[in-house]
């Protein structure tokens, strides 16, 4: 059973980035497109690694993530969270703003090639 895509063609195209010479979508965008949480998407990929070899997905470096944040406003929340996760202070807490529970990232984002994007819809729960 596959899910319907929840964005228009223009929105889809605006979420495609060129990183390391590949046309990719960031995991958060892909999850949003299929109306699932990013963690659910990552779990589905991990359960189906044979369908998603490393040539279809890769984790961004901190420099790549910072460049993404600098060039795309919708990823602005990532920068402060990466800085907080790099902190050694034990007083760093999750974002507790209303309706923002679970919005903090603990890991650098994954990028998925467009080949992977089309395969993803077939593994959703």
PDB file of N, CA and C in Angstrom:
ATOM      1  N   UNK A   1       0.849  -1.182   0.000  1.00  0.00           N
ATOM      2  CA  UNK A   1       0.000   0.000   0.000  1.00  0.00           C
ATOM      3  C   UNK A   1       0.890   1.240   0.000  1.00  0.00           C
ATOM      4  N   UNK A   2       0.659   2.154  -0.904  1.00  0.00           N
ATOM      5  CA  UNK A   2       1.492   3.351  -0.955  1.00  0.00           C
ATOM      6  C   UNK A   2       0.661   4.572  -0.607  1.00  0.00           C
ATOM      7  N   UNK A   3       1.329   5.567  -0.042  1.00  0.00           N
ATOM      8  CA  UNK A   3       0.667   6.805   0.353  1.00  0.00           C
ATOM      9  C   UNK A   3       0.662   7.794  -0.802  1.00  0.00           C
ATOM     10  N   UNK A   4      -0.312   8.671  -0.767  1.00  0.00           N
ATOM     11  CA  UNK A   4      -0.383   9.742  -1.750  1.00  0.00           C
ATOM     12  C   UNK A   4       0.592  10.852  -1.361  1.00  0.00           C
ATOM     13  N   UNK A   5       1.187  11.467  -2.327  1.00  0.00           N
ATOM     14  CA  UNK A   5       2.087  12.587  -2.098  1.00  0.00           C
ATOM     15  C   UNK A   5       1.250  13.809  -1.739  1.00  0.00           C
ATOM     16  N   UNK A   6       1.700  14.547  -0.711  1.00  0.00           N
ATOM     17  CA  UNK A   6       0.901  15.640  -0.166  1.00  0.00           C
ATOM     18  C   UNK A   6       1.361  17.024  -0.609  1.00  0.00           C
ATOM     19  N   UNK A   7       2.107  17.132  -1.698  1.00  0.00           N
ATOM     20  CA  UNK A   7       2.566  18.439  -2.163  1.00  0.00           C
ATOM     21  C   UNK A   7       2.402  18.543  -3.672  1.00  0.00           C
ATOM     22  N   UNK A   8       2.398  19.778  -4.145  1.00  0.00           N
ATOM     23  CA  UNK A   8       2.260  20.018  -5.573  1.00  0.00           C
ATOM     24  C   UNK A   8       3.594  19.795  -6.291  1.00  0.00           C
ATOM     25  N   UNK A   9       3.554  19.769  -7.603  1.00  0.00           N
ATOM     26  CA  UNK A   9       4.764  19.594  -8.412  1.00  0.00           C
ATOM     27  C   UNK A   9       5.764  20.721  -8.146  1.00  0.00           C
ATOM     28  N   UNK A  10       5.269  21.961  -8.038  1.00  0.00           N
ATOM     29  CA  UNK A  10       6.165  23.099  -7.761  1.00  0.00           C
ATOM     30  C   UNK A  10       6.833  22.964  -6.398  1.00  0.00           C
ATOM     31  N   UNK A  11       6.051  22.545  -5.397  1.00  0.00           N
ATOM     32  CA  UNK A  11       6.616  22.345  -4.069  1.00  0.00           C
ATOM     33  C   UNK A  11       7.661  21.225  -4.103  1.00  0.00           C
ATOM     34  N   UNK A  12       7.366  20.170  -4.835  1.00  0.00           N
ATOM     35  CA  UNK A  12       8.292  19.051  -4.964  1.00  0.00           C
ATOM     36  C   UNK A  12       9.612  19.537  -5.567  1.00  0.00           C
ATOM     37  N   UNK A  13       9.518  20.256  -6.669  1.00  0.00           N
ATOM     38  CA  UNK A  13      10.719  20.733  -7.355  1.00  0.00           C
ATOM     39  C   UNK A  13      11.533  21.701  -6.496  1.00  0.00           C
ATOM     40  N   UNK A  14      10.862  22.483  -5.654  1.00  0.00           N
ATOM     41  CA  UNK A  14      11.579  23.436  -4.804  1.00  0.00           C
ATOM     42  C   UNK A  14      12.319  22.741  -3.665  1.00  0.00           C
ATOM     43  N   UNK A  15      12.049  21.469  -3.440  1.00  0.00           N
ATOM     44  CA  UNK A  15      12.692  20.717  -2.363  1.00  0.00           C
ATOM     45  C   UNK A  15      13.837  19.841  -2.865  1.00  0.00           C
ATOM     46  N   UNK A  16      14.170  19.982  -4.118  1.00  0.00           N
ATOM     47  CA  UNK A  16      15.277  19.214  -4.691  1.00  0.00           C
ATOM     48  C   UNK A  16      16.542  20.062  -4.638  1.00  0.00           C
ATOM     49  N   UNK A  17      17.600  19.478  -4.098  1.00  0.00           N
ATOM     50  CA  UNK A  17      18.884  20.150  -3.969  1.00  0.00           C
ATOM     51  C   UNK A  17      19.944  19.347  -4.710  1.00  0.00           C
ATOM     52  N   UNK A  18      20.993  20.025  -5.114  1.00  0.00           N
ATOM     53  CA  UNK A  18      22.138  19.348  -5.703  1.00  0.00           C
ATOM     54  C   UNK A  18      23.241  19.302  -4.648  1.00  0.00           C
ATOM     55  N   UNK A  19      23.521  18.094  -4.168  1.00  0.00           N
ATOM     56  CA  UNK A  19      24.534  17.899  -3.140  1.00  0.00           C
ATOM     57  C   UNK A  19      25.422  16.732  -3.570  1.00  0.00           C
ATOM     58  N   UNK A  20      26.724  16.950  -3.528  1.00  0.00           N
ATOM     59  CA  UNK A  20      27.716  15.939  -3.940  1.00  0.00           C
ATOM     60  C   UNK A  20      27.449  15.425  -5.355  1.00  0.00           C
ATOM     61  N   UNK A  21      26.958  16.316  -6.201  1.00  0.00           N
ATOM     62  CA  UNK A  21      26.710  15.951  -7.593  1.00  0.00           C
ATOM     63  C   UNK A  21      25.454  15.132  -7.815  1.00  0.00           C
ATOM     64  N   UNK A  22      24.606  15.015  -6.786  1.00  0.00           N
ATOM     65  CA  UNK A  22      23.357  14.263  -6.896  1.00  0.00           C
ATOM     66  C   UNK A  22      22.164  15.179  -6.684  1.00  0.00           C
ATOM     67  N   UNK A  23      21.088  14.898  -7.380  1.00  0.00           N
ATOM     68  CA  UNK A  23      19.823  15.568  -7.124  1.00  0.00           C
ATOM     69  C   UNK A  23      19.167  14.825  -5.962  1.00  0.00           C
ATOM     70  N   UNK A  24      18.940  15.531  -4.836  1.00  0.00           N
ATOM     71  CA  UNK A  24      18.458  14.881  -3.619  1.00  0.00           C
ATOM     72  C   UNK A  24      17.325  15.663  -2.965  1.00  0.00           C
ATOM     73  N   UNK A  25      16.626  14.966  -2.091  1.00  0.00           N
ATOM     74  CA  UNK A  25      15.685  15.597  -1.166  1.00  0.00           C
ATOM     75  C   UNK A  25      16.185  15.313   0.239  1.00  0.00           C
ATOM     76  N   UNK A  26      15.997  16.268   1.123  1.00  0.00           N
ATOM     77  CA  UNK A  26      16.380  16.102   2.515  1.00  0.00           C
ATOM     78  C   UNK A  26      15.308  15.250   3.203  1.00  0.00           C
ATOM     79  N   UNK A  27      15.746  14.403   4.120  1.00  0.00           N
ATOM     80  CA  UNK A  27      14.841  13.473   4.781  1.00  0.00           C
ATOM     81  C   UNK A  27      13.605  14.118   5.369  1.00  0.00           C
ATOM     82  N   UNK A  28      13.758  15.274   5.989  1.00  0.00           N
ATOM     83  CA  UNK A  28      12.612  15.962   6.594  1.00  0.00           C
ATOM     84  C   UNK A  28      11.579  16.330   5.534  1.00  0.00           C
ATOM     85  N   UNK A  29      12.040  16.795   4.384  1.00  0.00           N
ATOM     86  CA  UNK A  29      11.124  17.143   3.291  1.00  0.00           C
ATOM     87  C   UNK A  29      10.422  15.906   2.742  1.00  0.00           C
ATOM     88  N   UNK A  30      11.169  14.833   2.605  1.00  0.00           N
ATOM     89  CA  UNK A  30      10.596  13.592   2.098  1.00  0.00           C
ATOM     90  C   UNK A  30       9.527  13.068   3.051  1.00  0.00           C
ATOM     91  N   UNK A  31       9.809  13.114   4.338  1.00  0.00           N
ATOM     92  CA  UNK A  31       8.831  12.673   5.338  1.00  0.00           C
ATOM     93  C   UNK A  31       7.581  13.544   5.292  1.00  0.00           C
ATOM     94  N   UNK A  32       7.779  14.839   5.198  1.00  0.00           N
ATOM     95  CA  UNK A  32       6.643  15.760   5.123  1.00  0.00           C
ATOM     96  C   UNK A  32       5.813  15.499   3.869  1.00  0.00           C
ATOM     97  N   UNK A  33       6.484  15.222   2.773  1.00  0.00           N
ATOM     98  CA  UNK A  33       5.794  14.972   1.513  1.00  0.00           C
ATOM     99  C   UNK A  33       4.864  13.765   1.627  1.00  0.00           C
ATOM    100  N   UNK A  34       5.306  12.733   2.352  1.00  0.00           N
ATOM    101  CA  UNK A  34       4.498  11.527   2.520  1.00  0.00           C
ATOM    102  C   UNK A  34       3.701  11.525   3.823  1.00  0.00           C
ATOM    103  N   UNK A  35       3.677  12.664   4.505  1.00  0.00           N
ATOM    104  CA  UNK A  35       2.885  12.866   5.712  1.00  0.00           C
ATOM    105  C   UNK A  35       3.208  11.859   6.812  1.00  0.00           C
ATOM    106  N   UNK A  36       4.501  11.671   7.049  1.00  0.00           N
ATOM    107  CA  UNK A  36       4.962  10.841   8.160  1.00  0.00           C
ATOM    108  C   UNK A  36       6.027  11.619   8.918  1.00  0.00           C
ATOM    109  N   UNK A  37       6.295  11.201  10.152  1.00  0.00           N
ATOM    110  CA  UNK A  37       7.358  11.833  10.917  1.00  0.00           C
ATOM    111  C   UNK A  37       8.707  11.390  10.349  1.00  0.00           C
ATOM    112  N   UNK A  38       9.699  12.241  10.491  1.00  0.00           N
ATOM    113  CA  UNK A  38      11.031  11.917   9.979  1.00  0.00           C
ATOM    114  C   UNK A  38      11.554  10.625  10.609  1.00  0.00           C
ATOM    115  N   UNK A  39      11.311  10.431  11.894  1.00  0.00           N
ATOM    116  CA  UNK A  39      11.799   9.219  12.560  1.00  0.00           C
ATOM    117  C   UNK A  39      11.134   7.975  11.987  1.00  0.00           C
ATOM    118  N   UNK A  40       9.858   8.065  11.614  1.00  0.00           N
ATOM    119  CA  UNK A  40       9.150   6.937  11.013  1.00  0.00           C
ATOM    120  C   UNK A  40       9.762   6.617   9.654  1.00  0.00           C
ATOM    121  N   UNK A  41      10.069   7.657   8.896  1.00  0.00           N
ATOM    122  CA  UNK A  41      10.698   7.460   7.593  1.00  0.00           C
ATOM    123  C   UNK A  41      12.055   6.787   7.748  1.00  0.00           C
ATOM    124  N   UNK A  42      12.871   7.282   8.690  1.00  0.00           N
ATOM    125  CA  UNK A  42      14.195   6.701   8.905  1.00  0.00           C
ATOM    126  C   UNK A  42      14.095   5.239   9.339  1.00  0.00           C
ATOM    127  N   UNK A  43      13.119   4.921  10.178  1.00  0.00           N
ATOM    128  CA  UNK A  43      12.918   3.532  10.606  1.00  0.00           C
ATOM    129  C   UNK A  43      12.545   2.650   9.422  1.00  0.00           C
ATOM    130  N   UNK A  44      11.666   3.146   8.562  1.00  0.00           N
ATOM    131  CA  UNK A  44      11.253   2.370   7.393  1.00  0.00           C
ATOM    132  C   UNK A  44      12.436   2.098   6.475  1.00  0.00           C
ATOM    133  N   UNK A  45      13.290   3.085   6.305  1.00  0.00           N
ATOM    134  CA  UNK A  45      14.480   2.901   5.469  1.00  0.00           C
ATOM    135  C   UNK A  45      15.411   1.871   6.109  1.00  0.00           C
ATOM    136  N   UNK A  46      15.624   1.974   7.418  1.00  0.00           N
ATOM    137  CA  UNK A  46      16.514   1.025   8.099  1.00  0.00           C
ATOM    138  C   UNK A  46      15.993  -0.404   8.009  1.00  0.00           C
ATOM    139  N   UNK A  47      14.677  -0.575   8.038  1.00  0.00           N
ATOM    140  CA  UNK A  47      14.088  -1.915   7.923  1.00  0.00           C
ATOM    141  C   UNK A  47      14.192  -2.467   6.506  1.00  0.00           C
ATOM    142  N   UNK A  48      14.475  -1.607   5.539  1.00  0.00           N
ATOM    143  CA  UNK A  48      14.520  -2.003   4.139  1.00  0.00           C
ATOM    144  C   UNK A  48      15.828  -1.596   3.479  1.00  0.00           C
ATOM    145  N   UNK A  49      16.936  -1.803   4.156  1.00  0.00           N
ATOM    146  CA  UNK A  49      18.238  -1.355   3.654  1.00  0.00           C
ATOM    147  C   UNK A  49      18.599  -1.967   2.306  1.00  0.00           C
ATOM    148  N   UNK A  50      18.095  -3.175   2.020  1.00  0.00           N
ATOM    149  CA  UNK A  50      18.401  -3.789   0.726  1.00  0.00           C
ATOM    150  C   UNK A  50      17.817  -2.983  -0.432  1.00  0.00           C
ATOM    151  N   UNK A  51      16.763  -2.242  -0.195  1.00  0.00           N
ATOM    152  CA  UNK A  51      16.173  -1.385  -1.230  1.00  0.00           C
ATOM    153  C   UNK A  51      16.835  -0.016  -1.295  1.00  0.00           C
ATOM    154  N   UNK A  52      17.597   0.334  -0.274  1.00  0.00           N
ATOM    155  CA  UNK A  52      18.167   1.670  -0.163  1.00  0.00           C
ATOM    156  C   UNK A  52      19.666   1.607   0.094  1.00  0.00           C
ATOM    157  N   UNK A  53      20.442   1.196  -0.909  1.00  0.00           N
ATOM    158  CA  UNK A  53      21.897   1.148  -0.715  1.00  0.00           C
ATOM    159  C   UNK A  53      22.442   2.561  -0.480  1.00  0.00           C
ATOM    160  N   UNK A  54      23.657   2.623  -0.003  1.00  0.00           N
ATOM    161  CA  UNK A  54      24.251   3.917   0.323  1.00  0.00           C
ATOM    162  C   UNK A  54      24.371   4.845  -0.879  1.00  0.00           C
ATOM    163  N   UNK A  55      24.288   4.308  -2.085  1.00  0.00           N
ATOM    164  CA  UNK A  55      24.309   5.169  -3.270  1.00  0.00           C
ATOM    165  C   UNK A  55      22.987   5.921  -3.421  1.00  0.00           C
ATOM    166  N   UNK A  56      21.945   5.502  -2.696  1.00  0.00           N
ATOM    167  CA  UNK A  56      20.635   6.163  -2.747  1.00  0.00           C
ATOM    168  C   UNK A  56      20.435   7.164  -1.616  1.00  0.00           C
ATOM    169  N   UNK A  57      21.291   7.091  -0.589  1.00  0.00           N
ATOM    170  CA  UNK A  57      21.109   7.976   0.560  1.00  0.00           C
ATOM    171  C   UNK A  57      22.455   8.214   1.223  1.00  0.00           C
ATOM    172  N   UNK A  58      22.602   9.374   1.843  1.00  0.00           N
ATOM    173  CA  UNK A  58      23.816   9.664   2.599  1.00  0.00           C
ATOM    174  C   UNK A  58      23.509  10.721   3.639  1.00  0.00           C
ATOM    175  N   UNK A  59      24.304  10.724   4.704  1.00  0.00           N
ATOM    176  CA  UNK A  59      24.134  11.705   5.763  1.00  0.00           C
ATOM    177  C   UNK A  59      24.969  12.932   5.426  1.00  0.00           C
ATOM    178  N   UNK A  60      24.372  14.094   5.579  1.00  0.00           N
ATOM    179  CA  UNK A  60      25.083  15.337   5.293  1.00  0.00           C
ATOM    180  C   UNK A  60      26.170  15.579   6.325  1.00  0.00           C
ATOM    181  N   UNK A  61      27.235  16.216   5.902  1.00  0.00           N
ATOM    182  CA  UNK A  61      28.269  16.656   6.834  1.00  0.00           C
ATOM    183  C   UNK A  61      27.774  17.917   7.530  1.00  0.00           C
ATOM    184  N   UNK A  62      28.463  18.327   8.564  1.00  0.00           N
ATOM    185  CA  UNK A  62      28.078  19.555   9.246  1.00  0.00           C
ATOM    186  C   UNK A  62      28.202  20.759   8.302  1.00  0.00           C
ATOM    187  N   UNK A  63      29.247  20.798   7.471  1.00  0.00           N
ATOM    188  CA  UNK A  63      29.410  21.889   6.506  1.00  0.00           C
ATOM    189  C   UNK A  63      28.263  21.909   5.500  1.00  0.00           C
ATOM    190  N   UNK A  64      27.875  20.742   4.993  1.00  0.00           N
ATOM    191  CA  UNK A  64      26.761  20.673   4.033  1.00  0.00           C
ATOM    192  C   UNK A  64      25.456  21.121   4.688  1.00  0.00           C
ATOM    193  N   UNK A  65      25.272  20.722   5.942  1.00  0.00           N
ATOM    194  CA  UNK A  65      24.063  21.123   6.663  1.00  0.00           C
ATOM    195  C   UNK A  65      24.042  22.626   6.870  1.00  0.00           C
ATOM    196  N   UNK A  66      25.180  23.195   7.249  1.00  0.00           N
ATOM    197  CA  UNK A  66      25.253  24.648   7.444  1.00  0.00           C
ATOM    198  C   UNK A  66      24.979  25.395   6.141  1.00  0.00           C
ATOM    199  N   UNK A  67      25.486  24.881   5.026  1.00  0.00           N
ATOM    200  CA  UNK A  67      25.225  25.512   3.729  1.00  0.00           C
ATOM    201  C   UNK A  67      23.733  25.432   3.388  1.00  0.00           C
ATOM    202  N   UNK A  68      23.134  24.302   3.666  1.00  0.00           N
ATOM    203  CA  UNK A  68      21.697  24.136   3.429  1.00  0.00           C
ATOM    204  C   UNK A  68      20.897  25.139   4.249  1.00  0.00           C
ATOM    205  N   UNK A  69      21.265  25.277   5.523  1.00  0.00           N
ATOM    206  CA  UNK A  69      20.583  26.221   6.413  1.00  0.00           C
ATOM    207  C   UNK A  69      20.741  27.651   5.904  1.00  0.00           C
ATOM    208  N   UNK A  70      21.942  27.984   5.442  1.00  0.00           N
ATOM    209  CA  UNK A  70      22.210  29.340   4.964  1.00  0.00           C
ATOM    210  C   UNK A  70      21.425  29.672   3.699  1.00  0.00           C
ATOM    211  N   UNK A  71      21.125  28.664   2.891  1.00  0.00           N
ATOM    212  CA  UNK A  71      20.466  28.901   1.609  1.00  0.00           C
ATOM    213  C   UNK A  71      18.980  28.614   1.594  1.00  0.00           C
ATOM    214  N   UNK A  72      18.439  28.099   2.681  1.00  0.00           N
ATOM    215  CA  UNK A  72      17.030  27.717   2.680  1.00  0.00           C
ATOM    216  C   UNK A  72      16.404  28.036   4.034  1.00  0.00           C
ATOM    217  N   UNK A  73      15.522  29.010   4.061  1.00  0.00           N
ATOM    218  CA  UNK A  73      14.929  29.478   5.309  1.00  0.00           C
ATOM    219  C   UNK A  73      14.203  28.387   6.097  1.00  0.00           C
ATOM    220  N   UNK A  74      13.591  27.440   5.424  1.00  0.00           N
ATOM    221  CA  UNK A  74      12.793  26.451   6.163  1.00  0.00           C
ATOM    222  C   UNK A  74      13.649  25.511   7.007  1.00  0.00           C
ATOM    223  N   UNK A  75      14.978  25.543   6.831  1.00  0.00           N
ATOM    224  CA  UNK A  75      15.871  24.736   7.651  1.00  0.00           C
ATOM    225  C   UNK A  75      16.579  25.561   8.718  1.00  0.00           C
ATOM    226  N   UNK A  76      16.121  26.768   8.951  1.00  0.00           N
ATOM    227  CA  UNK A  76      16.754  27.643   9.927  1.00  0.00           C
ATOM    228  C   UNK A  76      16.795  27.078  11.331  1.00  0.00           C
ATOM    229  N   UNK A  77      15.794  26.276  11.699  1.00  0.00           N
ATOM    230  CA  UNK A  77      15.754  25.696  13.035  1.00  0.00           C
ATOM    231  C   UNK A  77      16.901  24.718  13.265  1.00  0.00           C
ATOM    232  N   UNK A  78      17.464  24.185  12.192  1.00  0.00           N
ATOM    233  CA  UNK A  78      18.494  23.150  12.295  1.00  0.00           C
ATOM    234  C   UNK A  78      19.777  23.703  12.897  1.00  0.00           C
ATOM    235  N   UNK A  79      20.174  24.904  12.502  1.00  0.00           N
ATOM    236  CA  UNK A  79      21.473  25.441  12.914  1.00  0.00           C
ATOM    237  C   UNK A  79      21.595  25.527  14.432  1.00  0.00           C
ATOM    238  N   UNK A  80      20.614  26.108  15.084  1.00  0.00           N
ATOM    239  CA  UNK A  80      20.708  26.242  16.536  1.00  0.00           C
ATOM    240  C   UNK A  80      20.660  24.885  17.225  1.00  0.00           C
ATOM    241  N   UNK A  81      19.949  23.945  16.629  1.00  0.00           N
ATOM    242  CA  UNK A  81      19.849  22.622  17.243  1.00  0.00           C
ATOM    243  C   UNK A  81      21.142  21.838  17.086  1.00  0.00           C
ATOM    244  N   UNK A  82      21.825  21.997  15.963  1.00  0.00           N
ATOM    245  CA  UNK A  82      23.124  21.339  15.782  1.00  0.00           C
ATOM    246  C   UNK A  82      24.124  21.923  16.769  1.00  0.00           C
ATOM    247  N   UNK A  83      24.096  23.245  16.915  1.00  0.00           N
ATOM    248  CA  UNK A  83      25.001  23.879  17.862  1.00  0.00           C
ATOM    249  C   UNK A  83      24.709  23.384  19.272  1.00  0.00           C
ATOM    250  N   UNK A  84      23.442  23.247  19.623  1.00  0.00           N
ATOM    251  CA  UNK A  84      23.073  22.761  20.951  1.00  0.00           C
ATOM    252  C   UNK A  84      23.496  21.312  21.138  1.00  0.00           C
ATOM    253  N   UNK A  85      23.347  20.488  20.110  1.00  0.00           N
ATOM    254  CA  UNK A  85      23.725  19.076  20.238  1.00  0.00           C
ATOM    255  C   UNK A  85      25.236  18.912  20.320  1.00  0.00           C
ATOM    256  N   UNK A  86      25.991  19.882  19.798  1.00  0.00           N
ATOM    257  CA  UNK A  86      27.449  19.825  19.882  1.00  0.00           C
ATOM    258  C   UNK A  86      27.968  20.314  21.232  1.00  0.00           C
ATOM    259  N   UNK A  87      27.099  20.929  22.000  1.00  0.00           N
ATOM    260  CA  UNK A  87      27.481  21.456  23.301  1.00  0.00           C
ATOM    261  C   UNK A  87      27.710  20.317  24.289  1.00  0.00           C
ATOM    262  N   UNK A  88      28.692  20.474  25.137  1.00  0.00           N
ATOM    263  CA  UNK A  88      28.971  19.463  26.170  1.00  0.00           C
ATOM    264  C   UNK A  88      28.133  19.715  27.417  1.00  0.00           C
ATOM    265  N   UNK A  89      27.433  20.825  27.487  1.00  0.00           N
ATOM    266  CA  UNK A  89      26.640  21.158  28.659  1.00  0.00           C
ATOM    267  C   UNK A  89      25.505  20.172  28.836  1.00  0.00           C
ATOM    268  N   UNK A  90      25.285  19.767  30.066  1.00  0.00           N
ATOM    269  CA  UNK A  90      24.175  18.871  30.341  1.00  0.00           C
ATOM    270  C   UNK A  90      22.882  19.642  30.557  1.00  0.00           C
ATOM    271  N   UNK A  91      22.934  20.945  30.466  1.00  0.00           N
ATOM    272  CA  UNK A  91      21.741  21.763  30.639  1.00  0.00           C
ATOM    273  C   UNK A  91      21.000  22.002  29.334  1.00  0.00           C
ATOM    274  N   UNK A  92      21.518  21.481  28.232  1.00  0.00           N
ATOM    275  CA  UNK A  92      20.845  21.645  26.947  1.00  0.00           C
ATOM    276  C   UNK A  92      19.587  20.797  26.966  1.00  0.00           C
ATOM    277  N   UNK A  93      18.456  21.415  26.678  1.00  0.00           N
ATOM    278  CA  UNK A  93      17.184  20.697  26.716  1.00  0.00           C
ATOM    279  C   UNK A  93      16.494  20.800  25.381  1.00  0.00           C
ATOM    280  N   UNK A  94      15.526  19.939  25.175  1.00  0.00           N
ATOM    281  CA  UNK A  94      14.737  19.999  23.959  1.00  0.00           C
ATOM    282  C   UNK A  94      13.933  21.281  23.912  1.00  0.00           C
ATOM    283  N   UNK A  95      13.633  21.701  22.732  1.00  0.00           N
ATOM    284  CA  UNK A  95      12.808  22.876  22.503  1.00  0.00           C
ATOM    285  C   UNK A  95      11.454  22.644  23.159  1.00  0.00           C
ATOM    286  N   UNK A  96      11.071  23.494  24.099  1.00  0.00           N
ATOM    287  CA  UNK A  96       9.810  23.285  24.796  1.00  0.00           C
ATOM    288  C   UNK A  96       8.743  24.292  24.401  1.00  0.00           C
ATOM    289  N   UNK A  97       8.898  24.926  23.271  1.00  0.00           N
ATOM    290  CA  UNK A  97       7.878  25.844  22.802  1.00  0.00           C
ATOM    291  C   UNK A  97       6.629  25.062  22.482  1.00  0.00           C
ATOM    292  N   UNK A  98       5.494  25.714  22.647  1.00  0.00           N
ATOM    293  CA  UNK A  98       4.214  25.062  22.393  1.00  0.00           C
ATOM    294  C   UNK A  98       4.187  24.474  20.982  1.00  0.00           C
ATOM    295  N   UNK A  99       3.718  23.231  20.872  1.00  0.00           N
ATOM    296  CA  UNK A  99       3.573  22.516  19.604  1.00  0.00           C
ATOM    297  C   UNK A  99       4.892  22.258  18.886  1.00  0.00           C
ATOM    298  N   UNK A 100       6.004  22.303  19.571  1.00  0.00           N
ATOM    299  CA  UNK A 100       7.299  22.067  18.942  1.00  0.00           C
ATOM    300  C   UNK A 100       7.946  20.792  19.481  1.00  0.00           C
ATOM    301  N   UNK A 101       7.209  19.998  20.237  1.00  0.00           N
ATOM    302  CA  UNK A 101       7.766  18.775  20.811  1.00  0.00           C
ATOM    303  C   UNK A 101       8.261  17.859  19.694  1.00  0.00           C
ATOM    304  N   UNK A 102       9.458  17.349  19.846  1.00  0.00           N
ATOM    305  CA  UNK A 102      10.013  16.448  18.857  1.00  0.00           C
ATOM    306  C   UNK A 102      10.579  17.140  17.626  1.00  0.00           C
ATOM    307  N   UNK A 103      10.671  18.450  17.629  1.00  0.00           N
ATOM    308  CA  UNK A 103      11.162  19.185  16.468  1.00  0.00           C
ATOM    309  C   UNK A 103      12.682  19.296  16.454  1.00  0.00           C
ATOM    310  N   UNK A 104      13.333  18.976  17.567  1.00  0.00           N
ATOM    311  CA  UNK A 104      14.783  19.105  17.641  1.00  0.00           C
ATOM    312  C   UNK A 104      15.460  17.943  16.946  1.00  0.00           C
ATOM    313  N   UNK A 105      16.555  18.221  16.295  1.00  0.00           N
ATOM    314  CA  UNK A 105      17.307  17.143  15.656  1.00  0.00           C
ATOM    315  C   UNK A 105      18.467  16.738  16.542  1.00  0.00           C
ATOM    316  N   UNK A 106      18.789  15.467  16.522  1.00  0.00           N
ATOM    317  CA  UNK A 106      19.924  14.962  17.276  1.00  0.00           C
ATOM    318  C   UNK A 106      21.060  14.592  16.341  1.00  0.00           C
ATOM    319  N   UNK A 107      20.739  14.379  15.075  1.00  0.00           N
ATOM    320  CA  UNK A 107      21.710  13.909  14.102  1.00  0.00           C
ATOM    321  C   UNK A 107      21.662  14.794  12.870  1.00  0.00           C
ATOM    322  N   UNK A 108      22.748  14.801  12.145  1.00  0.00           N
ATOM    323  CA  UNK A 108      22.765  15.524  10.875  1.00  0.00           C
ATOM    324  C   UNK A 108      21.761  14.866   9.933  1.00  0.00           C
ATOM    325  N   UNK A 109      21.113  15.654   9.086  1.00  0.00           N
ATOM    326  CA  UNK A 109      20.064  15.101   8.214  1.00  0.00           C
ATOM    327  C   UNK A 109      20.612  14.184   7.122  1.00  0.00           C
ATOM    328  N   UNK A 110      19.731  13.328   6.631  1.00  0.00           N
ATOM    329  CA  UNK A 110      20.041  12.467   5.501  1.00  0.00           C
ATOM    330  C   UNK A 110      19.526  13.103   4.228  1.00  0.00           C
ATOM    331  N   UNK A 111      20.221  12.837   3.141  1.00  0.00           N
ATOM    332  CA  UNK A 111      19.781  13.238   1.805  1.00  0.00           C
ATOM    333  C   UNK A 111      19.453  11.961   1.044  1.00  0.00           C
ATOM    334  N   UNK A 112      18.357  12.000   0.289  1.00  0.00           N
ATOM    335  CA  UNK A 112      17.910  10.846  -0.485  1.00  0.00           C
ATOM    336  C   UNK A 112      17.879  11.221  -1.955  1.00  0.00           C
ATOM    337  N   UNK A 113      18.512  10.383  -2.790  1.00  0.00           N
ATOM    338  CA  UNK A 113      18.515  10.663  -4.220  1.00  0.00           C
ATOM    339  C   UNK A 113      17.095  10.535  -4.766  1.00  0.00           C
ATOM    340  N   UNK A 114      16.871  11.087  -5.932  1.00  0.00           N
ATOM    341  CA  UNK A 114      15.536  11.025  -6.517  1.00  0.00           C
ATOM    342  C   UNK A 114      15.111   9.592  -6.818  1.00  0.00           C
ATOM    343  N   UNK A 115      16.069   8.691  -7.116  1.00  0.00           N
ATOM    344  CA  UNK A 115      15.727   7.273  -7.273  1.00  0.00           C
ATOM    345  C   UNK A 115      15.138   6.725  -5.985  1.00  0.00           C
ATOM    346  N   UNK A 116      15.702   7.119  -4.889  1.00  0.00           N
ATOM    347  CA  UNK A 116      15.235   6.669  -3.588  1.00  0.00           C
ATOM    348  C   UNK A 116      13.853   7.238  -3.275  1.00  0.00           C
ATOM    349  N   UNK A 117      13.627   8.475  -3.656  1.00  0.00           N
ATOM    350  CA  UNK A 117      12.344   9.132  -3.390  1.00  0.00           C
ATOM    351  C   UNK A 117      11.200   8.333  -4.001  1.00  0.00           C
ATOM    352  N   UNK A 118      11.369   7.862  -5.221  1.00  0.00           N
ATOM    353  CA  UNK A 118      10.303   7.112  -5.869  1.00  0.00           C
ATOM    354  C   UNK A 118      10.116   5.732  -5.248  1.00  0.00           C
ATOM    355  N   UNK A 119      11.170   5.126  -4.726  1.00  0.00           N
ATOM    356  CA  UNK A 119      11.049   3.820  -4.074  1.00  0.00           C
ATOM    357  C   UNK A 119      10.415   3.930  -2.690  1.00  0.00           C
ATOM    358  N   UNK A 120      10.593   5.063  -2.045  1.00  0.00           N
ATOM    359  CA  UNK A 120      10.188   5.206  -0.652  1.00  0.00           C
ATOM    360  C   UNK A 120       8.695   4.944  -0.435  1.00  0.00           C
ATOM    361  N   UNK A 121       7.869   5.394  -1.335  1.00  0.00           N
ATOM    362  CA  UNK A 121       6.424   5.264  -1.129  1.00  0.00           C
ATOM    363  C   UNK A 121       5.976   3.815  -0.969  1.00  0.00           C
ATOM    364  N   UNK A 122       6.769   2.856  -1.424  1.00  0.00           N
ATOM    365  CA  UNK A 122       6.388   1.453  -1.362  1.00  0.00           C
ATOM    366  C   UNK A 122       6.723   0.777  -0.040  1.00  0.00           C
ATOM    367  N   UNK A 123       7.418   1.472   0.848  1.00  0.00           N
ATOM    368  CA  UNK A 123       7.786   0.856   2.130  1.00  0.00           C
ATOM    369  C   UNK A 123       7.105   1.511   3.311  1.00  0.00           C
ATOM    370  N   UNK A 124       6.268   2.491   3.069  1.00  0.00           N
ATOM    371  CA  UNK A 124       5.620   3.184   4.177  1.00  0.00           C
ATOM    372  C   UNK A 124       4.674   2.264   4.922  1.00  0.00           C
ATOM    373  N   UNK A 125       4.617   2.453   6.241  1.00  0.00           N
ATOM    374  CA  UNK A 125       3.692   1.627   7.038  1.00  0.00           C
ATOM    375  C   UNK A 125       2.248   1.960   6.736  1.00  0.00           C
TER     376      UNK A 125
END
